[in-house]
PDB file of all heavy atoms in Angstrom:
ATOM      1  N   MET A   1       0.831  -1.204   0.000  1.00  0.00           N
ATOM      2  CA  MET A   1       0.000   0.000   0.000  1.00  0.00           C
ATOM      3  C   MET A   1       0.870   1.261   0.000  1.00  0.00           C
ATOM      4  O   MET A   1       0.679   2.166  -0.815  1.00  0.00           O
ATOM      5  CB  MET A   1      -0.904  -0.014   1.239  1.00  0.00           C
ATOM      6  CG  MET A   1      -1.856   1.153   1.339  1.00  0.00           C
ATOM      7  SD  MET A   1      -3.007   0.987   2.733  1.00  0.00           S
ATOM      8  CE  MET A   1      -1.866   1.179   4.125  1.00  0.00           C
ATOM      9  N   LEU A   2       1.841   1.304   0.904  1.00  0.00           N
ATOM     10  CA  LEU A   2       2.723   2.455   0.977  1.00  0.00           C
ATOM     11  C   LEU A   2       3.602   2.571  -0.266  1.00  0.00           C
ATOM     12  O   LEU A   2       3.770   3.657  -0.828  1.00  0.00           O
ATOM     13  CB  LEU A   2       3.619   2.348   2.219  1.00  0.00           C
ATOM     14  CG  LEU A   2       3.008   2.755   3.552  1.00  0.00           C
ATOM     15  CD1 LEU A   2       3.905   2.296   4.692  1.00  0.00           C
ATOM     16  CD2 LEU A   2       2.798   4.250   3.616  1.00  0.00           C
ATOM     17  N   GLY A   3       4.173   1.440  -0.680  1.00  0.00           N
ATOM     18  CA  GLY A   3       5.066   1.458  -1.833  1.00  0.00           C
ATOM     19  C   GLY A   3       4.380   1.959  -3.082  1.00  0.00           C
ATOM     20  O   GLY A   3       4.950   2.754  -3.855  1.00  0.00           O
ATOM     21  N   GLY A   4       3.138   1.514  -3.310  1.00  0.00           N
ATOM     22  CA  GLY A   4       2.417   1.936  -4.499  1.00  0.00           C
ATOM     23  C   GLY A   4       2.122   3.425  -4.507  1.00  0.00           C
ATOM     24  O   GLY A   4       2.372   4.126  -5.493  1.00  0.00           O
ATOM     25  N   VAL A   5       1.579   3.941  -3.399  1.00  0.00           N
ATOM     26  CA  VAL A   5       1.211   5.353  -3.351  1.00  0.00           C
ATOM     27  C   VAL A   5       2.446   6.245  -3.346  1.00  0.00           C
ATOM     28  O   VAL A   5       2.504   7.266  -4.042  1.00  0.00           O
ATOM     29  CB  VAL A   5       0.333   5.637  -2.117  1.00  0.00           C
ATOM     30  CG1 VAL A   5       0.069   7.149  -1.991  1.00  0.00           C
ATOM     31  CG2 VAL A   5      -0.988   4.894  -2.221  1.00  0.00           C
ATOM     32  N   LEU A   6       3.476   5.864  -2.580  1.00  0.00           N
ATOM     33  CA  LEU A   6       4.668   6.704  -2.500  1.00  0.00           C
ATOM     34  C   LEU A   6       5.478   6.688  -3.797  1.00  0.00           C
ATOM     35  O   LEU A   6       6.181   7.658  -4.105  1.00  0.00           O
ATOM     36  CB  LEU A   6       5.544   6.266  -1.324  1.00  0.00           C
ATOM     37  CG  LEU A   6       4.958   6.560   0.059  1.00  0.00           C
ATOM     38  CD1 LEU A   6       5.905   6.075   1.149  1.00  0.00           C
ATOM     39  CD2 LEU A   6       4.660   8.040   0.237  1.00  0.00           C
ATOM     40  N   ALA A   7       5.400   5.600  -4.560  1.00  0.00           N
ATOM     41  CA  ALA A   7       6.064   5.583  -5.869  1.00  0.00           C
ATOM     42  C   ALA A   7       5.508   6.689  -6.750  1.00  0.00           C
ATOM     43  O   ALA A   7       6.253   7.383  -7.455  1.00  0.00           O
ATOM     44  CB  ALA A   7       5.889   4.223  -6.542  1.00  0.00           C
ATOM     45  N   MET A   8       4.184   6.869  -6.687  1.00  0.00           N
ATOM     46  CA  MET A   8       3.566   7.939  -7.471  1.00  0.00           C
ATOM     47  C   MET A   8       3.815   9.296  -6.835  1.00  0.00           C
ATOM     48  O   MET A   8       4.096  10.286  -7.531  1.00  0.00           O
ATOM     49  CB  MET A   8       2.056   7.679  -7.577  1.00  0.00           C
ATOM     50  CG  MET A   8       1.337   8.635  -8.509  1.00  0.00           C
ATOM     51  SD  MET A   8       1.896   8.394 -10.216  1.00  0.00           S
ATOM     52  CE  MET A   8       1.605  10.030 -10.882  1.00  0.00           C
ATOM     53  N   THR A   9       3.732   9.353  -5.521  1.00  0.00           N
ATOM     54  CA  THR A   9       3.886  10.626  -4.822  1.00  0.00           C
ATOM     55  C   THR A   9       5.265  11.223  -5.032  1.00  0.00           C
ATOM     56  O   THR A   9       5.413  12.386  -5.428  1.00  0.00           O
ATOM     57  CB  THR A   9       3.643  10.427  -3.322  1.00  0.00           C
ATOM     58  OG1 THR A   9       2.318   9.925  -3.123  1.00  0.00           O
ATOM     59  CG2 THR A   9       3.802  11.735  -2.561  1.00  0.00           C
ATOM     60  N   LEU A  10       6.302  10.439  -4.755  1.00  0.00           N
ATOM     61  CA  LEU A  10       7.666  10.948  -4.795  1.00  0.00           C
ATOM     62  C   LEU A  10       8.336  10.717  -6.149  1.00  0.00           C
ATOM     63  O   LEU A  10       9.003  11.607  -6.677  1.00  0.00           O
ATOM     64  CB  LEU A  10       8.488  10.288  -3.684  1.00  0.00           C
ATOM     65  CG  LEU A  10       7.925  10.464  -2.262  1.00  0.00           C
ATOM     66  CD1 LEU A  10       8.773   9.707  -1.256  1.00  0.00           C
ATOM     67  CD2 LEU A  10       7.839  11.944  -1.891  1.00  0.00           C
ATOM     68  N   GLY A  11       8.167   9.505  -6.701  1.00  0.00           N
ATOM     69  CA  GLY A  11       8.829   9.187  -7.964  1.00  0.00           C
ATOM     70  C   GLY A  11       8.323  10.033  -9.114  1.00  0.00           C
ATOM     71  O   GLY A  11       9.117  10.569  -9.904  1.00  0.00           O
ATOM     72  N   ASP A  12       7.002  10.160  -9.227  1.00  0.00           N
ATOM     73  CA  ASP A  12       6.445  10.941 -10.331  1.00  0.00           C
ATOM     74  C   ASP A  12       6.795  12.422 -10.193  1.00  0.00           C
ATOM     75  O   ASP A  12       7.054  13.106 -11.194  1.00  0.00           O
ATOM     76  CB  ASP A  12       4.926  10.767 -10.379  1.00  0.00           C
ATOM     77  CG  ASP A  12       4.304  11.559 -11.510  1.00  0.00           C
ATOM     78  OD1 ASP A  12       4.475  11.154 -12.667  1.00  0.00           O
ATOM     79  OD2 ASP A  12       3.660  12.582 -11.228  1.00  0.00           O
ATOM     80  N   ALA A  13       6.819  12.919  -8.966  1.00  0.00           N
ATOM     81  CA  ALA A  13       7.202  14.314  -8.757  1.00  0.00           C
ATOM     82  C   ALA A  13       8.636  14.549  -9.224  1.00  0.00           C
ATOM     83  O   ALA A  13       8.944  15.560  -9.864  1.00  0.00           O
ATOM     84  CB  ALA A  13       7.050  14.687  -7.286  1.00  0.00           C
ATOM     85  N   ALA A  14       9.525  13.607  -8.906  1.00  0.00           N
ATOM     86  CA  ALA A  14      10.916  13.725  -9.345  1.00  0.00           C
ATOM     87  C   ALA A  14      11.013  13.645 -10.862  1.00  0.00           C
ATOM     88  O   ALA A  14      11.754  14.409 -11.495  1.00  0.00           O
ATOM     89  CB  ALA A  14      11.757  12.628  -8.706  1.00  0.00           C
ATOM     90  N   ALA A  15      10.259  12.715 -11.466  1.00  0.00           N
ATOM     91  CA  ALA A  15      10.297  12.561 -12.925  1.00  0.00           C
ATOM     92  C   ALA A  15       9.846  13.837 -13.622  1.00  0.00           C
ATOM     93  O   ALA A  15      10.464  14.292 -14.597  1.00  0.00           O
ATOM     94  CB  ALA A  15       9.417  11.390 -13.343  1.00  0.00           C
ATOM     95  N   SER A  16       8.758  14.410 -13.135  1.00  0.00           N
ATOM     96  CA  SER A  16       8.236  15.631 -13.758  1.00  0.00           C
ATOM     97  C   SER A  16       9.203  16.797 -13.596  1.00  0.00           C
ATOM     98  O   SER A  16       9.490  17.530 -14.552  1.00  0.00           O
ATOM     99  CB  SER A  16       6.888  15.980 -13.118  1.00  0.00           C
ATOM    100  OG  SER A  16       6.403  17.204 -13.625  1.00  0.00           O
ATOM    101  N   THR A  17       9.738  16.966 -12.382  1.00  0.00           N
ATOM    102  CA  THR A  17      10.635  18.091 -12.114  1.00  0.00           C
ATOM    103  C   THR A  17      11.926  17.981 -12.920  1.00  0.00           C
ATOM    104  O   THR A  17      12.356  18.932 -13.583  1.00  0.00           O
ATOM    105  CB  THR A  17      10.965  18.159 -10.613  1.00  0.00           C
ATOM    106  OG1 THR A  17       9.749  18.289  -9.869  1.00  0.00           O
ATOM    107  CG2 THR A  17      11.861  19.345 -10.319  1.00  0.00           C
ATOM    108  N   VAL A  18      12.542  16.803 -12.877  1.00  0.00           N
ATOM    109  CA  VAL A  18      13.795  16.598 -13.605  1.00  0.00           C
ATOM    110  C   VAL A  18      13.554  16.674 -15.108  1.00  0.00           C
ATOM    111  O   VAL A  18      14.347  17.264 -15.856  1.00  0.00           O
ATOM    112  CB  VAL A  18      14.435  15.257 -13.218  1.00  0.00           C
ATOM    113  CG1 VAL A  18      15.619  14.938 -14.119  1.00  0.00           C
ATOM    114  CG2 VAL A  18      14.880  15.291 -11.759  1.00  0.00           C
ATOM    115  N   GLY A  19      12.457  16.078 -15.566  1.00  0.00           N
ATOM    116  CA  GLY A  19      12.165  16.103 -16.994  1.00  0.00           C
ATOM    117  C   GLY A  19      11.993  17.509 -17.528  1.00  0.00           C
ATOM    118  O   GLY A  19      12.477  17.846 -18.615  1.00  0.00           O
ATOM    119  N   LEU A  20      11.301  18.370 -16.768  1.00  0.00           N
ATOM    120  CA  LEU A  20      11.068  19.738 -17.218  1.00  0.00           C
ATOM    121  C   LEU A  20      12.336  20.580 -17.182  1.00  0.00           C
ATOM    122  O   LEU A  20      12.570  21.414 -18.053  1.00  0.00           O
ATOM    123  CB  LEU A  20       9.983  20.396 -16.351  1.00  0.00           C
ATOM    124  CG  LEU A  20       8.555  19.902 -16.566  1.00  0.00           C
ATOM    125  CD1 LEU A  20       7.617  20.533 -15.540  1.00  0.00           C
ATOM    126  CD2 LEU A  20       8.074  20.248 -17.978  1.00  0.00           C
ATOM    127  N   ARG A  21      13.159  20.366 -16.176  1.00  0.00           N
ATOM    128  CA  ARG A  21      14.331  21.222 -15.988  1.00  0.00           C
ATOM    129  C   ARG A  21      15.577  20.695 -16.696  1.00  0.00           C
ATOM    130  O   ARG A  21      16.403  21.484 -17.170  1.00  0.00           O
ATOM    131  CB  ARG A  21      14.617  21.377 -14.488  1.00  0.00           C
ATOM    132  CG  ARG A  21      13.541  22.153 -13.734  1.00  0.00           C
ATOM    133  CD  ARG A  21      13.862  22.240 -12.256  1.00  0.00           C
ATOM    134  NE  ARG A  21      12.864  23.032 -11.560  1.00  0.00           N
ATOM    135  CZ  ARG A  21      12.928  24.361 -11.404  1.00  0.00           C
ATOM    136  NH1 ARG A  21      13.950  25.023 -11.923  1.00  0.00           N
ATOM    137  NH2 ARG A  21      11.987  25.003 -10.753  1.00  0.00           N
ATOM    138  N   LEU A  22      15.731  19.376 -16.729  1.00  0.00           N
ATOM    139  CA  LEU A  22      16.986  18.813 -17.225  1.00  0.00           C
ATOM    140  C   LEU A  22      16.809  17.880 -18.420  1.00  0.00           C
ATOM    141  O   LEU A  22      17.784  17.312 -18.915  1.00  0.00           O
ATOM    142  CB  LEU A  22      17.694  18.051 -16.099  1.00  0.00           C
ATOM    143  CG  LEU A  22      18.017  18.851 -14.827  1.00  0.00           C
ATOM    144  CD1 LEU A  22      18.601  17.934 -13.757  1.00  0.00           C
ATOM    145  CD2 LEU A  22      18.985  19.992 -15.135  1.00  0.00           C
ATOM    146  N   GLY A  23      15.561  17.690 -18.861  1.00  0.00           N
ATOM    147  CA  GLY A  23      15.323  16.737 -19.941  1.00  0.00           C
ATOM    148  C   GLY A  23      15.987  17.140 -21.247  1.00  0.00           C
ATOM    149  O   GLY A  23      15.661  18.192 -21.809  1.00  0.00           O
ATOM    150  N   ARG A  24      16.912  16.321 -21.713  1.00  0.00           N
ATOM    151  CA  ARG A  24      17.634  16.607 -22.962  1.00  0.00           C
ATOM    152  C   ARG A  24      17.482  15.487 -23.986  1.00  0.00           C
ATOM    153  O   ARG A  24      17.856  15.651 -25.131  1.00  0.00           O
ATOM    154  CB  ARG A  24      19.128  16.813 -22.670  1.00  0.00           C
ATOM    155  CG  ARG A  24      19.448  17.989 -21.750  1.00  0.00           C
ATOM    156  CD  ARG A  24      19.131  19.318 -22.415  1.00  0.00           C
ATOM    157  NE  ARG A  24      19.514  20.441 -21.551  1.00  0.00           N
ATOM    158  CZ  ARG A  24      18.707  20.993 -20.643  1.00  0.00           C
ATOM    159  NH1 ARG A  24      17.471  20.527 -20.495  1.00  0.00           N
ATOM    160  NH2 ARG A  24      19.124  21.998 -19.902  1.00  0.00           N
ATOM    161  N   ARG A  25      16.990  14.349 -23.527  1.00  0.00           N
ATOM    162  CA  ARG A  25      16.873  13.190 -24.423  1.00  0.00           C
ATOM    163  C   ARG A  25      15.409  12.741 -24.465  1.00  0.00           C
ATOM    164  O   ARG A  25      15.015  11.834 -23.747  1.00  0.00           O
ATOM    165  CB  ARG A  25      17.780  12.051 -23.948  1.00  0.00           C
ATOM    166  CG  ARG A  25      19.268  12.411 -23.947  1.00  0.00           C
ATOM    167  CD  ARG A  25      20.093  11.320 -23.296  1.00  0.00           C
ATOM    168  NE  ARG A  25      21.516  11.654 -23.319  1.00  0.00           N
ATOM    169  CZ  ARG A  25      22.108  12.422 -22.407  1.00  0.00           C
ATOM    170  NH1 ARG A  25      21.400  12.955 -21.404  1.00  0.00           N
ATOM    171  NH2 ARG A  25      23.403  12.677 -22.487  1.00  0.00           N
ATOM    172  N   PRO A  26      14.601  13.369 -25.306  1.00  0.00           N
ATOM    173  CA  PRO A  26      13.178  13.020 -25.363  1.00  0.00           C
ATOM    174  C   PRO A  26      12.930  11.704 -26.089  1.00  0.00           C
ATOM    175  O   PRO A  26      13.739  11.262 -26.912  1.00  0.00           O
ATOM    176  CB  PRO A  26      12.577  14.191 -26.136  1.00  0.00           C
ATOM    177  CG  PRO A  26      13.689  14.656 -27.015  1.00  0.00           C
ATOM    178  CD  PRO A  26      14.956  14.449 -26.229  1.00  0.00           C
ATOM    179  N   TYR A  27      11.815  11.074 -25.774  1.00  0.00           N
ATOM    180  CA  TYR A  27      11.378   9.895 -26.516  1.00  0.00           C
ATOM    181  C   TYR A  27       9.861   9.932 -26.616  1.00  0.00           C
ATOM    182  O   TYR A  27       9.172  10.509 -25.777  1.00  0.00           O
ATOM    183  CB  TYR A  27      11.850   8.599 -25.846  1.00  0.00           C
ATOM    184  CG  TYR A  27      11.328   8.364 -24.445  1.00  0.00           C
ATOM    185  CD1 TYR A  27      10.108   7.727 -24.229  1.00  0.00           C
ATOM    186  CD2 TYR A  27      12.063   8.756 -23.332  1.00  0.00           C
ATOM    187  CE1 TYR A  27       9.631   7.492 -22.953  1.00  0.00           C
ATOM    188  CE2 TYR A  27      11.606   8.538 -22.043  1.00  0.00           C
ATOM    189  CZ  TYR A  27      10.383   7.900 -21.864  1.00  0.00           C
ATOM    190  OH  TYR A  27       9.907   7.686 -20.576  1.00  0.00           O
ATOM    191  N   ALA A  28       9.367   9.319 -27.681  1.00  0.00           N
ATOM    192  CA  ALA A  28       7.924   9.322 -27.931  1.00  0.00           C
ATOM    193  C   ALA A  28       7.250   8.237 -27.108  1.00  0.00           C
ATOM    194  O   ALA A  28       7.780   7.138 -26.931  1.00  0.00           O
ATOM    195  CB  ALA A  28       7.651   9.090 -29.417  1.00  0.00           C
ATOM    196  N   THR A  29       6.075   8.551 -26.591  1.00  0.00           N
ATOM    197  CA  THR A  29       5.300   7.563 -25.857  1.00  0.00           C
ATOM    198  C   THR A  29       3.899   7.505 -26.468  1.00  0.00           C
ATOM    199  O   THR A  29       3.697   7.930 -27.612  1.00  0.00           O
ATOM    200  CB  THR A  29       5.271   7.906 -24.357  1.00  0.00           C
ATOM    201  OG1 THR A  29       4.572   6.883 -23.639  1.00  0.00           O
ATOM    202  CG2 THR A  29       4.597   9.241 -24.108  1.00  0.00           C
ATOM    203  N   LEU A  30       2.929   6.984 -25.729  1.00  0.00           N
ATOM    204  CA  LEU A  30       1.597   6.809 -26.289  1.00  0.00           C
ATOM    205  C   LEU A  30       0.968   8.146 -26.669  1.00  0.00           C
ATOM    206  O   LEU A  30       1.247   9.172 -26.069  1.00  0.00           O
ATOM    207  CB  LEU A  30       0.704   6.098 -25.265  1.00  0.00           C
ATOM    208  CG  LEU A  30       1.142   4.701 -24.815  1.00  0.00           C
ATOM    209  CD1 LEU A  30       0.159   4.146 -23.785  1.00  0.00           C
ATOM    210  CD2 LEU A  30       1.237   3.761 -26.008  1.00  0.00           C
ATOM    211  N   GLY A  31       0.106   8.086 -27.677  1.00  0.00           N
ATOM    212  CA  GLY A  31      -0.637   9.266 -28.065  1.00  0.00           C
ATOM    213  C   GLY A  31       0.193  10.387 -28.655  1.00  0.00           C
ATOM    214  O   GLY A  31      -0.237  11.542 -28.682  1.00  0.00           O
ATOM    215  N   GLY A  32       1.409  10.065 -29.117  1.00  0.00           N
ATOM    216  CA  GLY A  32       2.256  11.094 -29.681  1.00  0.00           C
ATOM    217  C   GLY A  32       2.892  12.014 -28.651  1.00  0.00           C
ATOM    218  O   GLY A  32       3.518  13.013 -29.010  1.00  0.00           O
ATOM    219  N   ARG A  33       2.736  11.711 -27.362  1.00  0.00           N
ATOM    220  CA  ARG A  33       3.344  12.531 -26.310  1.00  0.00           C
ATOM    221  C   ARG A  33       4.823  12.194 -26.188  1.00  0.00           C
ATOM    222  O   ARG A  33       5.282  11.147 -26.646  1.00  0.00           O
ATOM    223  CB  ARG A  33       2.640  12.292 -24.969  1.00  0.00           C
ATOM    224  CG  ARG A  33       1.131  12.465 -25.006  1.00  0.00           C
ATOM    225  CD  ARG A  33       0.717  13.893 -25.267  1.00  0.00           C
ATOM    226  NE  ARG A  33      -0.726  14.050 -25.342  1.00  0.00           N
ATOM    227  CZ  ARG A  33      -1.498  14.350 -24.299  1.00  0.00           C
ATOM    228  NH1 ARG A  33      -0.954  14.514 -23.101  1.00  0.00           N
ATOM    229  NH2 ARG A  33      -2.797  14.485 -24.454  1.00  0.00           N
ATOM    230  N   THR A  34       5.567  13.086 -25.550  1.00  0.00           N
ATOM    231  CA  THR A  34       6.994  12.842 -25.342  1.00  0.00           C
ATOM    232  C   THR A  34       7.338  12.939 -23.858  1.00  0.00           C
ATOM    233  O   THR A  34       6.724  13.708 -23.109  1.00  0.00           O
ATOM    234  CB  THR A  34       7.861  13.858 -26.114  1.00  0.00           C
ATOM    235  OG1 THR A  34       7.540  15.176 -25.663  1.00  0.00           O
ATOM    236  CG2 THR A  34       7.640  13.745 -27.597  1.00  0.00           C
ATOM    237  N   LYS A  35       8.299  12.128 -23.470  1.00  0.00           N
ATOM    238  CA  LYS A  35       8.876  12.195 -22.130  1.00  0.00           C
ATOM    239  C   LYS A  35      10.386  12.177 -22.312  1.00  0.00           C
ATOM    240  O   LYS A  35      10.887  12.099 -23.430  1.00  0.00           O
ATOM    241  CB  LYS A  35       8.379  11.053 -21.264  1.00  0.00           C
ATOM    242  CG  LYS A  35       6.861  11.058 -21.093  1.00  0.00           C
ATOM    243  CD  LYS A  35       6.399  10.435 -19.812  1.00  0.00           C
ATOM    244  CE  LYS A  35       4.890  10.610 -19.654  1.00  0.00           C
ATOM    245  NZ  LYS A  35       4.394  10.129 -18.355  1.00  0.00           N
ATOM    246  N   SER A  36      11.121  12.274 -21.214  1.00  0.00           N
ATOM    247  CA  SER A  36      12.574  12.353 -21.330  1.00  0.00           C
ATOM    248  C   SER A  36      13.237  11.216 -20.588  1.00  0.00           C
ATOM    249  O   SER A  36      12.722  10.716 -19.576  1.00  0.00           O
ATOM    250  CB  SER A  36      13.089  13.689 -20.789  1.00  0.00           C
ATOM    251  OG  SER A  36      12.985  13.743 -19.384  1.00  0.00           O
ATOM    252  N   LEU A  37      14.397  10.811 -21.080  1.00  0.00           N
ATOM    253  CA  LEU A  37      15.177   9.782 -20.418  1.00  0.00           C
ATOM    254  C   LEU A  37      15.582  10.231 -19.019  1.00  0.00           C
ATOM    255  O   LEU A  37      15.538   9.444 -18.070  1.00  0.00           O
ATOM    256  CB  LEU A  37      16.423   9.464 -21.247  1.00  0.00           C
ATOM    257  CG  LEU A  37      17.402   8.459 -20.637  1.00  0.00           C
ATOM    258  CD1 LEU A  37      16.747   7.111 -20.425  1.00  0.00           C
ATOM    259  CD2 LEU A  37      18.644   8.333 -21.517  1.00  0.00           C
TER     260      LEU A  37
END
């Protein structure tokens, strides 16, 4: 229960923050959207 919720709480926050500020290697994902390595 904790692992699942905290993975989204902390991990996703880190992914979004780092991706927006430091993302240099984009890749395509579903729906034509892009995320970063």
